Protein backbone atom coordinates (compact mmCIF):
# COMPACT_ATOMS: atom_id res chain seq x y z
CA MET A 1 -218.96 -128.66 124.70
CA VAL A 2 -216.71 -128.92 127.78
CA ALA A 3 -213.12 -130.05 127.22
CA SER A 4 -211.81 -133.24 128.83
CA ASP A 5 -209.38 -133.14 131.75
CA GLY A 6 -205.78 -132.59 130.73
CA ALA A 7 -206.68 -130.91 127.42
CA ARG A 8 -204.76 -127.74 126.60
CA CYS A 9 -205.73 -124.66 124.62
CA ALA A 10 -204.50 -124.77 121.01
CA ALA A 11 -203.38 -121.11 121.13
CA HIS A 12 -202.09 -121.13 124.74
CA PRO A 13 -200.48 -124.53 125.50
CA SER A 14 -199.87 -123.55 129.13
CA ALA A 15 -203.58 -122.88 129.72
CA PRO A 16 -206.08 -125.66 130.40
CA ALA A 17 -208.84 -126.00 127.82
CA ALA A 18 -212.27 -124.96 129.05
CA GLU A 19 -214.34 -125.67 125.94
CA VAL A 20 -214.23 -127.32 122.54
CA CYS A 21 -215.11 -125.36 119.40
CA VAL A 22 -218.47 -126.64 118.14
CA ARG A 23 -217.41 -126.09 114.53
CA CYS A 24 -213.88 -127.51 114.27
CA GLY A 25 -213.23 -129.28 117.58
CA THR A 26 -210.26 -127.14 118.63
CA PHE A 27 -209.62 -126.87 122.37
CA VAL A 28 -209.96 -123.30 123.67
CA CYS A 29 -209.20 -121.73 127.05
CA ARG A 30 -211.47 -119.22 128.78
CA ALA A 31 -209.52 -116.32 127.26
CA CYS A 32 -209.88 -117.66 123.70
CA ARG A 33 -213.44 -118.94 123.64
CA CYS A 34 -216.05 -116.94 121.81
CA LEU A 35 -219.77 -117.39 122.48
CA ASP A 36 -222.51 -116.80 119.95
CA ILE A 37 -226.10 -115.74 120.64
CA LYS A 38 -227.03 -119.35 121.52
CA SER A 39 -224.04 -119.66 123.91
CA ASP A 40 -222.23 -122.13 121.65
CA SER A 41 -218.44 -122.00 122.08
CA TYR A 42 -216.18 -121.29 119.10
CA CYS A 43 -212.46 -120.84 118.63
CA PRO A 44 -211.51 -117.31 117.48
CA ALA A 45 -210.94 -118.46 113.86
CA CYS A 46 -214.36 -120.11 113.54
CA TYR A 47 -216.11 -117.28 115.33
CA ALA A 48 -214.67 -114.82 112.80
CA ARG A 49 -216.18 -116.93 110.00
CA LEU A 50 -219.72 -116.83 111.37
CA ASP A 51 -222.17 -114.78 109.37
CA ARG A 52 -223.58 -112.82 112.28
CA ARG A 53 -224.87 -109.99 110.11
CA SER A 54 -227.90 -111.93 108.89
CA THR A 55 -229.58 -112.40 112.25
CA ALA A 56 -230.96 -110.16 114.96
CA SER A 57 -231.28 -110.79 118.68
CA LYS A 58 -234.51 -111.08 120.61
CA PHE A 59 -233.88 -107.63 122.07
CA ALA A 60 -233.89 -106.14 118.55
CA PHE A 61 -237.23 -107.75 117.66
CA ILE A 62 -238.79 -106.75 120.98
CA ALA A 63 -237.51 -103.18 120.56
CA ALA A 64 -238.99 -102.86 117.06
CA VAL A 65 -242.40 -104.37 117.90
CA ALA A 66 -242.71 -102.55 121.24
CA GLY A 67 -241.62 -99.31 119.56
CA PHE A 68 -244.37 -99.58 116.99
CA LEU A 69 -246.97 -100.46 119.61
CA GLY A 70 -245.55 -97.77 121.89
CA LEU A 71 -246.85 -95.10 119.55
CA GLY A 72 -250.36 -95.95 120.79
CA CYS A 73 -249.53 -97.24 124.27
CA PHE A 74 -246.69 -95.16 125.63
CA PRO A 75 -245.52 -97.53 128.42
CA LEU A 76 -244.43 -99.87 125.63
CA GLY A 77 -242.29 -97.00 124.36
CA LEU A 78 -240.19 -97.34 127.49
CA VAL A 79 -239.81 -101.10 126.89
CA ALA A 80 -238.75 -100.41 123.30
CA ALA A 81 -236.23 -97.74 124.31
CA VAL A 82 -234.67 -99.95 126.99
CA CYS A 83 -234.47 -103.02 124.72
CA GLY A 84 -233.07 -100.92 121.89
CA VAL A 85 -230.32 -99.46 124.08
CA ILE A 86 -229.46 -102.86 125.57
CA ASP A 87 -229.12 -104.43 122.12
CA LEU A 88 -227.09 -101.53 120.69
CA VAL A 89 -224.68 -101.78 123.62
CA ARG A 90 -224.42 -105.54 123.13
CA ILE A 91 -223.80 -105.05 119.38
CA ALA A 92 -221.04 -102.55 120.15
CA SER A 93 -219.40 -105.00 122.56
CA GLY A 94 -219.64 -107.85 120.03
CA SER A 95 -221.97 -110.04 122.09
CA SER A 96 -225.04 -109.52 119.90
CA PRO A 97 -225.43 -110.03 116.13
CA THR A 98 -224.89 -106.92 114.05
CA GLY A 99 -227.94 -107.75 111.94
CA GLY A 100 -230.16 -106.29 114.67
CA LYS A 101 -228.61 -102.83 114.61
CA MET A 102 -231.26 -101.31 112.35
CA LEU A 103 -234.15 -102.96 114.23
CA SER A 104 -232.76 -101.81 117.57
CA THR A 105 -232.27 -98.26 116.32
CA VAL A 106 -235.79 -98.11 114.86
CA GLY A 107 -237.21 -99.57 118.08
CA LEU A 108 -235.31 -97.03 120.17
CA LEU A 109 -236.48 -94.10 118.07
CA LEU A 110 -240.10 -95.28 117.93
CA GLY A 111 -239.98 -95.89 121.68
CA LEU A 112 -238.75 -92.37 122.33
CA ALA A 113 -241.44 -90.98 120.02
CA GLY A 114 -244.09 -92.98 121.89
CA LEU A 115 -242.80 -91.68 125.21
CA GLY A 116 -242.89 -88.13 123.88
CA LEU A 117 -246.44 -88.50 122.61
CA GLY A 118 -247.47 -90.06 125.90
CA ALA A 119 -245.93 -87.19 127.87
CA ILE A 120 -247.80 -84.64 125.74
CA LEU A 121 -251.10 -86.48 126.22
CA VAL A 122 -250.59 -86.79 129.96
CA ALA A 123 -249.71 -83.11 130.23
CA GLN A 124 -252.84 -82.13 128.29
CA ASN A 125 -255.05 -84.36 130.45
CA LEU A 126 -253.63 -82.84 133.61
CA GLY A 127 -254.74 -79.42 132.49
CA GLY A 128 -251.47 -78.06 131.20
CA ASN A 129 -251.26 -77.59 127.45
CA PRO A 130 -247.56 -77.60 126.52
CA SER A 131 -248.30 -76.14 123.07
CA ARG A 132 -249.94 -72.98 124.47
CA PHE A 133 -248.18 -70.27 126.47
CA ASP A 134 -250.09 -67.64 128.41
CA LEU A 135 -248.24 -64.36 128.13
CA PRO A 136 -248.97 -61.47 130.53
């Protein structure tokens, strides 16, 4: 929720308020505001109280599902790997719920496995067998 004109940040009285905390109604400036996965604004105290461990982002779910499907359709392995990396980076920066860490990691690993299997199958279909070496 956007703050009214003239409102000041509770933590920084010299800074104009940009938002209002959706939980407690405290005015927060741009430096103080914290956004959750749904882009709701919170003050730092309320944001710290959120139970963000119990949820996972859309990237985490996409990574896990695409990773599983990527074992049979290797282009989906690339989707899984990219979504997994994006979500893990967002988790590390604090902008994505930590509950998706395991899903993102599993999606990333399954995606890489799918890409590896796909590369082996493509190499075998092109005539090169990577598991056989011809020695002189």
